[in-house]
């Protein structure tokens, strides 16, 4: 029986092989081993993957040695373009990578999405009747307020439920129609059964059944924010007083339930206090040596890089840095402000960077604005004060 001749590669496979060979030659001939970022894109220019490395040449060449089933080989198979940009330091490359990923959201960049899913945030939603939800770090509702990050979803979920029950916030679906009590003349309620156990047992104000006015619900939302931002104990004192009263009357089961609520809310308050301190500790000038003397100064406030510029060398440069520092640090920001959604990923990135490189803290210095009445002196970051993305925050 004659032996079968080997199959010729399909034209498509041959084209892919030729394209990868061309990319290989481009990288081999054109790259250097310096810190930087790189992008892989398809034939239409859509970015498939963004990466960073301290040694761009070595990192890119490693893709061409990947086994067929490895991620690098899959990326190359779909890539028609490879581009790179050198940056003065690994830290600069890390920031650039994050910003490119946030800009393009490449489908092969799953590591950052996976890291964000490790963290939970307490979300106070927007709308006429906000509610508390526990969401992942990849949430993108810019109208909401976010508090966190936390790593124990179950404990934060229990605390959020206790706070919602105490202050009467709703937890129903977003599509449930809202009818406040001061809308009755415009929208007669008629005879209507609430159909909500939480409303019936007085754990929700009932903004969907005319159980409260818009202003009354708004007052409870304000109390919720005051508790989450550290301005008020919220219902803790009330629960504690009720617990003692039930205990004195030998109603121990009810007292125990109230004790559990107090513990949940105290746990939440304590974690938020620690996170607020950690964010304030991540406020400083950070000088990073760069390639061939290209040093840069990063102005970090509350865990995010607000501005950057070349390290000053002349008196004019120092004056420019001082003026920029006044703009970044001289305006008052409340310590207890919720985390802006667009800063979440950068806060996690910087806290992780300083945890992995504690020696870099020696390169940070506080900036004291000229007008101390507008902003207190910012603390020098200490390792124990930073959010730790490697161990549970909460």
Protein backbone atom coordinates (compact mmCIF):
# COMPACT_ATOMS: atom_id res chain seq x y z
CA UNK A 1 0.00 0.00 0.00
CA UNK A 2 1.59 3.28 -1.08
CA UNK A 3 2.47 5.73 1.65
CA UNK A 4 0.33 8.87 1.78
CA UNK A 5 2.17 12.01 0.85
CA UNK A 6 2.30 14.63 3.62
CA UNK A 7 -0.50 17.18 3.48
CA UNK A 8 0.48 20.60 2.33
CA UNK A 9 -0.26 23.38 4.83
CA UNK A 10 -3.42 25.27 4.11
CA UNK A 11 -2.92 28.70 2.62
CA UNK A 12 -4.33 30.30 5.78
CA UNK A 13 -1.89 28.41 7.99
CA UNK A 14 0.95 29.36 5.68
CA UNK A 15 -0.09 33.00 5.81
CA UNK A 16 -0.20 32.92 9.60
CA UNK A 17 3.24 31.34 9.71
CA UNK A 18 4.64 33.95 7.33
CA UNK A 19 3.03 36.79 9.30
CA UNK A 20 4.50 35.49 12.57
CA UNK A 21 7.89 35.16 10.91
CA UNK A 22 7.73 38.80 9.80
CA UNK A 23 6.75 39.92 13.28
CA UNK A 24 9.63 37.89 14.70
CA UNK A 25 12.11 39.58 12.40
CA UNK A 26 10.66 43.00 13.24
CA UNK A 27 11.08 42.40 16.97
CA UNK A 28 14.51 40.80 16.63
CA UNK A 29 15.88 43.64 14.57
CA UNK A 30 14.22 46.59 16.24
CA UNK A 31 13.90 46.11 19.99
CA UNK A 32 16.19 46.82 22.93
CA UNK A 33 16.25 45.43 26.46
CA UNK A 34 14.77 48.46 28.18
CA UNK A 35 11.70 49.09 30.29
CA UNK A 36 8.61 49.76 28.27
CA UNK A 37 5.17 48.71 27.10
CA UNK A 38 4.09 46.84 23.99
CA UNK A 39 0.86 46.22 22.10
CA UNK A 40 -0.35 43.39 19.88
CA UNK A 41 -3.08 44.30 17.39
CA UNK A 42 -5.03 42.54 14.65
CA UNK A 43 -5.12 43.50 10.97
CA UNK A 44 -7.86 46.07 11.64
CA UNK A 45 -5.80 47.79 14.33
CA UNK A 46 -7.85 46.51 17.27
CA UNK A 47 -5.57 46.06 20.28
CA UNK A 48 -5.57 42.44 21.42
CA UNK A 49 -3.06 42.62 24.23
CA UNK A 50 -1.04 45.17 26.19
CA UNK A 51 2.00 44.20 28.24
CA UNK A 52 4.95 45.73 30.04
CA UNK A 53 8.46 44.54 30.84
CA UNK A 54 11.76 45.69 32.28
CA UNK A 55 13.35 44.04 29.20
CA UNK A 56 11.07 44.58 26.22
CA UNK A 57 13.23 42.68 23.72
CA UNK A 58 13.50 39.53 25.83
CA UNK A 59 9.82 39.61 26.67
CA UNK A 60 8.66 39.95 23.07
CA UNK A 61 11.04 37.31 21.75
CA UNK A 62 9.69 34.89 24.36
CA UNK A 63 6.31 34.94 22.57
CA UNK A 64 7.85 33.28 19.54
CA UNK A 65 9.07 30.35 21.67
CA UNK A 66 5.65 29.58 23.14
CA UNK A 67 4.06 26.19 22.64
CA UNK A 68 0.96 26.21 20.39
CA UNK A 69 -1.48 25.90 23.29
CA UNK A 70 0.10 28.65 25.38
CA UNK A 71 -1.49 32.06 25.64
CA UNK A 72 1.43 33.80 23.91
CA UNK A 73 1.05 31.60 20.84
CA UNK A 74 -2.69 32.29 20.69
CA UNK A 75 -2.05 36.04 20.82
CA UNK A 76 0.56 35.83 18.05
CA UNK A 77 -1.75 33.77 15.87
CA UNK A 78 -4.28 36.62 15.78
CA UNK A 79 -1.77 39.48 15.69
CA UNK A 80 -0.78 41.39 12.58
CA UNK A 81 0.96 44.28 14.31
CA UNK A 82 3.41 44.63 17.19
CA UNK A 83 4.43 48.01 18.57
CA UNK A 84 6.40 49.08 21.61
CA UNK A 85 7.37 52.19 23.51
CA UNK A 86 10.34 52.60 25.83
CA UNK A 87 9.83 54.27 29.18
CA UNK A 88 12.35 55.53 31.73
CA UNK A 89 11.57 52.98 34.48
CA UNK A 90 9.63 49.89 35.42
CA UNK A 91 7.22 52.05 37.43
CA UNK A 92 6.56 54.25 34.40
CA UNK A 93 5.91 51.13 32.32
CA UNK A 94 3.53 49.78 34.96
CA UNK A 95 1.48 52.98 34.91
CA UNK A 96 1.48 53.14 31.12
CA UNK A 97 0.32 49.51 30.87
CA UNK A 98 -2.58 50.17 33.24
CA UNK A 99 -3.68 53.26 31.34
CA UNK A 100 -3.49 51.51 27.97
CA UNK A 101 -5.52 48.58 29.29
CA UNK A 102 -8.15 50.96 30.69
CA UNK A 103 -8.24 52.76 27.33
CA UNK A 104 -8.47 49.75 25.00
CA UNK A 105 -9.81 46.94 27.26
CA UNK A 106 -7.99 44.26 25.19
CA UNK A 107 -9.70 40.89 25.32
CA UNK A 108 -6.49 38.96 26.09
CA UNK A 109 -5.73 41.08 29.17
CA UNK A 110 -7.59 38.92 31.66
CA UNK A 111 -5.11 39.12 34.57
CA UNK A 112 -6.15 42.62 35.62
CA UNK A 113 -9.82 41.77 35.30
CA UNK A 114 -9.24 38.68 37.42
CA UNK A 115 -7.34 40.71 40.04
CA UNK A 116 -10.14 43.26 40.26
CA UNK A 117 -12.70 40.51 40.75
CA UNK A 118 -10.84 39.54 43.92
CA UNK A 119 -11.97 42.79 45.51
CA UNK A 120 -15.41 43.90 46.55
CA UNK A 121 -16.71 47.44 46.91
CA UNK A 122 -19.71 48.73 48.77
CA UNK A 123 -21.75 50.66 46.23
CA UNK A 124 -24.34 53.28 47.13
CA UNK A 125 -26.26 53.43 43.88
CA UNK A 126 -27.55 56.51 42.11
CA UNK A 127 -31.16 57.33 41.30
CA UNK A 128 -34.22 58.55 43.20
CA UNK A 129 -34.01 55.79 45.84
CA UNK A 130 -30.39 54.60 46.18
CA UNK A 131 -29.55 51.26 47.78
CA UNK A 132 -26.46 49.47 49.05
CA UNK A 133 -24.91 46.71 46.96
CA UNK A 134 -21.71 44.69 47.14
CA UNK A 135 -20.05 44.77 43.71
CA UNK A 136 -16.80 43.73 42.10
CA UNK A 137 -13.93 46.07 41.34
CA UNK A 138 -14.84 46.12 37.66
CA UNK A 139 -18.17 47.95 38.22
CA UNK A 140 -18.62 51.00 36.00
CA UNK A 141 -21.57 53.09 37.24
CA UNK A 142 -20.06 56.56 37.43
CA UNK A 143 -23.11 58.00 39.22
CA UNK A 144 -22.65 55.80 42.29
CA UNK A 145 -20.45 56.14 45.35
CA UNK A 146 -17.94 53.35 46.07
CA UNK A 147 -16.34 52.42 49.38
CA UNK A 148 -13.56 49.87 49.71
CA UNK A 149 -11.78 47.78 48.55
CA UNK A 150 -12.60 44.70 50.65
CA UNK A 151 -11.69 41.06 50.13
CA UNK A 152 -14.35 39.37 52.28
CA UNK A 153 -17.55 39.67 50.28
CA UNK A 154 -19.65 37.67 52.72
CA UNK A 155 -18.81 39.81 55.73
CA UNK A 156 -19.29 43.05 53.81
CA UNK A 157 -22.58 41.75 52.43
CA UNK A 158 -23.82 40.98 55.96
CA UNK A 159 -22.76 44.42 57.19
CA UNK A 160 -24.41 46.13 54.22
CA UNK A 161 -27.63 44.23 54.91
CA UNK A 162 -27.53 45.26 58.58
CA UNK A 163 -26.99 48.91 57.63
CA UNK A 164 -29.78 48.81 55.03
CA UNK A 165 -32.18 47.25 57.54
CA UNK A 166 -31.26 49.77 60.20
CA UNK A 167 -31.77 52.81 57.98
CA UNK A 168 -34.65 51.47 55.89
CA UNK A 169 -32.96 51.41 52.48
CA UNK A 170 -34.57 49.31 49.79
CA UNK A 171 -32.99 46.22 48.26
CA UNK A 172 -35.49 45.51 45.49
CA UNK A 173 -34.70 45.27 41.78
CA UNK A 174 -33.89 48.38 39.76
CA UNK A 175 -36.99 47.99 37.59
CA UNK A 176 -39.43 48.20 40.53
CA UNK A 177 -41.48 51.41 40.05
CA UNK A 178 -40.98 54.05 42.74
CA UNK A 179 -43.98 55.89 44.18
CA UNK A 180 -43.18 58.23 47.04
CA UNK A 181 -45.87 59.41 49.46
CA UNK A 182 -45.64 62.98 48.18
CA UNK A 183 -46.57 61.72 44.69
CA UNK A 184 -50.03 60.52 45.65
CA UNK A 185 -51.87 63.44 44.11
CA UNK A 186 -50.17 62.86 40.77
CA UNK A 187 -50.18 59.05 40.90
CA UNK A 188 -53.06 57.72 43.04
CA UNK A 189 -51.98 54.51 44.70
CA UNK A 190 -55.45 53.10 45.24
CA UNK A 191 -55.62 49.82 47.06
CA UNK A 192 -52.27 48.14 46.76
CA UNK A 193 -50.63 45.28 48.61
CA UNK A 194 -46.95 45.98 49.23
CA UNK A 195 -45.85 42.39 48.74
CA UNK A 196 -42.51 43.14 50.44
CA UNK A 197 -41.58 41.44 53.68
CA UNK A 198 -38.97 44.06 54.56
CA UNK A 199 -41.55 46.83 54.31
CA UNK A 200 -44.04 44.85 56.34
CA UNK A 201 -41.57 44.29 59.18
CA UNK A 202 -40.39 47.93 59.00
CA UNK A 203 -36.92 47.31 57.65
CA UNK A 204 -37.55 49.34 54.50
CA UNK A 205 -39.15 52.76 54.19
CA UNK A 206 -41.16 51.53 51.21
CA UNK A 207 -40.37 54.06 48.46
CA UNK A 208 -42.25 51.85 45.99
CA UNK A 209 -45.57 51.89 47.90
CA UNK A 210 -45.81 55.44 49.15
CA UNK A 211 -44.34 54.51 52.51
CA UNK A 212 -42.14 57.63 52.65
CA UNK A 213 -41.58 60.90 50.87
CA UNK A 214 -38.66 61.56 48.58
CA UNK A 215 -37.15 63.87 51.21
CA UNK A 216 -37.51 61.27 53.98
CA UNK A 217 -35.72 58.66 51.92
CA UNK A 218 -33.06 61.19 50.98
CA UNK A 219 -32.42 61.86 54.67
CA UNK A 220 -31.73 58.14 55.22
CA UNK A 221 -29.35 58.09 52.28
CA UNK A 222 -27.51 61.07 53.79
CA UNK A 223 -27.24 59.17 57.10
CA UNK A 224 -25.87 56.17 55.21
CA UNK A 225 -23.17 58.28 53.58
CA UNK A 226 -22.33 59.92 56.91
CA UNK A 227 -21.76 56.48 58.44
CA UNK A 228 -19.73 55.17 55.50
CA UNK A 229 -17.58 58.30 55.41
CA UNK A 230 -16.88 58.30 59.15
CA UNK A 231 -18.97 61.34 60.16
CA UNK A 232 -21.52 59.44 62.23
CA UNK A 233 -21.94 56.20 64.18
CA UNK A 234 -25.26 55.75 62.40
CA UNK A 235 -27.46 53.16 64.06
CA UNK A 236 -24.73 51.60 66.21
CA UNK A 237 -25.57 53.59 69.34
CA UNK A 238 -29.31 52.93 68.89
CA UNK A 239 -28.76 49.19 68.43
CA UNK A 240 -26.49 49.07 71.45
CA UNK A 241 -29.08 50.83 73.63
CA UNK A 242 -31.84 48.50 72.40
CA UNK A 243 -29.63 45.48 73.06
CA UNK A 244 -29.07 46.52 76.68
CA UNK A 245 -32.79 47.18 77.12
CA UNK A 246 -33.80 43.75 75.81
CA UNK A 247 -31.09 42.11 77.90
CA UNK A 248 -32.37 43.83 81.03
CA UNK A 249 -35.83 42.46 80.25
CA UNK A 250 -34.40 38.93 79.84
CA UNK A 251 -35.21 38.97 76.11
CA UNK A 252 -31.89 37.37 75.34
CA UNK A 253 -32.67 36.14 71.83
CA UNK A 254 -33.59 39.63 70.69
CA UNK A 255 -30.57 41.07 72.52
CA UNK A 256 -28.26 38.57 70.80
CA UNK A 257 -29.63 39.52 67.37
CA UNK A 258 -28.99 43.19 68.10
CA UNK A 259 -25.51 42.35 69.39
CA UNK A 260 -24.73 40.66 66.05
CA UNK A 261 -25.88 43.76 64.15
CA UNK A 262 -23.70 45.99 66.32
CA UNK A 263 -20.68 43.75 65.65
CA UNK A 264 -21.31 43.77 61.91
CA UNK A 265 -21.56 47.55 61.77
CA UNK A 266 -18.55 48.05 64.04
CA UNK A 267 -16.56 45.72 61.80
CA UNK A 268 -17.57 47.72 58.72
CA UNK A 269 -16.78 51.04 60.40
CA UNK A 270 -13.37 49.79 61.54
CA UNK A 271 -12.44 48.57 58.07
CA UNK A 272 -13.53 51.84 56.46
CA UNK A 273 -11.46 53.78 59.01
CA UNK A 274 -8.38 51.71 58.17
CA UNK A 275 -8.92 52.16 54.45
CA UNK A 276 -9.29 55.92 54.82
CA UNK A 277 -6.02 56.08 56.75
CA UNK A 278 -4.32 53.91 54.15
CA UNK A 279 -5.41 56.14 51.29
CA UNK A 280 -4.22 59.26 53.08
CA UNK A 281 -0.87 57.54 53.71
CA UNK A 282 -0.52 57.04 49.95
CA UNK A 283 0.08 60.77 49.43
CA UNK A 284 3.60 61.98 48.64
CA UNK A 285 6.17 62.98 46.03
CA UNK A 286 7.80 59.89 44.56
CA UNK A 287 11.11 60.29 42.70
CA UNK A 288 11.99 57.39 40.38
CA UNK A 289 15.42 57.08 38.71
CA UNK A 290 15.14 56.56 34.97
CA UNK A 291 17.11 55.24 32.02
CA UNK A 292 20.19 57.36 31.27
CA UNK A 293 19.26 59.95 33.89
CA UNK A 294 15.64 60.35 32.80
CA UNK A 295 14.41 60.62 36.41
CA UNK A 296 10.79 61.54 37.05
CA UNK A 297 8.78 62.84 39.99
CA UNK A 298 5.26 61.48 40.51
CA UNK A 299 2.77 63.44 42.58
CA UNK A 300 0.69 60.79 44.34
CA UNK A 301 -2.42 61.70 46.31
CA UNK A 302 -4.81 59.24 47.95
CA UNK A 303 -3.31 56.34 46.04
CA UNK A 304 -3.39 57.72 42.49
CA UNK A 305 -0.84 59.60 40.38
CA UNK A 306 -2.30 63.07 39.94
CA UNK A 307 0.64 64.50 37.94
CA UNK A 308 4.22 63.79 36.91
CA UNK A 309 7.17 65.69 35.47
CA UNK A 310 10.94 65.31 34.95
CA UNK A 311 12.98 65.50 38.13
CA UNK A 312 14.03 69.13 38.66
CA UNK A 313 17.61 70.09 37.81
CA UNK A 314 17.46 73.88 37.82
CA UNK A 315 15.90 76.48 40.09
CA UNK A 316 13.20 77.05 37.47
CA UNK A 317 12.44 73.32 37.51
CA UNK A 318 12.12 73.37 41.32
CA UNK A 319 9.73 76.31 41.13
CA UNK A 320 7.65 74.48 38.52
CA UNK A 321 7.46 71.42 40.78
CA UNK A 322 6.44 73.57 43.74
CA UNK A 323 3.67 75.25 41.73
CA UNK A 324 2.40 71.90 40.49
CA UNK A 325 2.50 70.53 44.04
CA UNK A 326 0.36 73.44 45.25
CA UNK A 327 -2.26 72.61 42.63
CA UNK A 328 -2.27 68.89 43.47
CA UNK A 329 -1.99 69.02 47.27
CA UNK A 330 -3.11 72.55 48.12
CA UNK A 331 -6.82 72.02 47.56
CA UNK A 332 -8.81 70.45 50.37
CA UNK A 333 -10.19 66.94 49.87
CA UNK A 334 -12.21 65.21 52.58
CA UNK A 335 -10.34 62.29 54.16
CA UNK A 336 -13.52 60.23 54.14
CA UNK A 337 -14.44 60.81 50.50
CA UNK A 338 -15.48 57.67 48.63
CA UNK A 339 -13.05 56.23 46.12
CA UNK A 340 -13.61 57.67 42.61
CA UNK A 341 -14.36 54.76 40.30
CA UNK A 342 -11.73 55.74 37.73
CA UNK A 343 -9.03 55.63 40.43
CA UNK A 344 -9.80 52.16 41.83
CA UNK A 345 -7.42 50.22 39.57
CA UNK A 346 -4.58 52.71 40.07
CA UNK A 347 -4.98 52.63 43.86
CA UNK A 348 -4.70 48.85 43.83
CA UNK A 349 -1.71 49.04 41.49
CA UNK A 350 0.23 51.55 43.62
CA UNK A 351 -0.50 49.83 46.91
CA UNK A 352 0.72 46.56 45.40
CA UNK A 353 3.86 48.24 44.03
CA UNK A 354 4.93 49.64 47.40
CA UNK A 355 4.15 46.38 49.16
CA UNK A 356 6.39 44.48 46.76
CA UNK A 357 9.11 47.17 46.84
CA UNK A 358 9.17 48.58 50.39
CA UNK A 359 12.57 50.12 49.74
CA UNK A 360 10.92 52.51 47.29
CA UNK A 361 9.27 54.25 50.24
CA UNK A 362 12.64 55.82 51.02
CA UNK A 363 12.32 57.77 47.78
CA UNK A 364 9.04 59.39 48.83
CA UNK A 365 8.73 62.75 50.55
CA UNK A 366 5.68 64.62 51.86
CA UNK A 367 4.61 67.87 50.26
CA UNK A 368 3.45 70.63 52.62
CA UNK A 369 1.31 73.26 50.86
CA UNK A 370 1.97 76.96 51.53
CA UNK A 371 -1.54 77.42 52.92
CA UNK A 372 -1.93 74.92 55.77
CA UNK A 373 -5.45 76.19 56.37
CA UNK A 374 -6.55 74.67 53.09
CA UNK A 375 -4.85 71.32 53.50
CA UNK A 376 -3.10 69.62 56.37
CA UNK A 377 0.43 68.33 55.92
CA UNK A 378 0.36 65.02 54.13
CA UNK A 379 1.89 62.02 55.92
CA UNK A 380 4.84 60.01 54.68
CA UNK A 381 3.66 56.59 53.60
CA UNK A 382 4.52 53.70 55.89
CA UNK A 383 4.34 50.06 54.96
CA UNK A 384 1.91 49.14 57.73
CA UNK A 385 -0.53 51.82 56.63
CA UNK A 386 -1.05 50.72 53.06
CA UNK A 387 -3.81 48.53 51.67
CA UNK A 388 -2.30 45.11 51.11
CA UNK A 389 -3.46 43.51 47.88
CA UNK A 390 -1.70 40.30 48.84
CA UNK A 391 -3.55 39.70 52.09
CA UNK A 392 -7.19 40.33 53.04
CA UNK A 393 -8.10 43.96 53.50
CA UNK A 394 -11.29 43.07 55.29
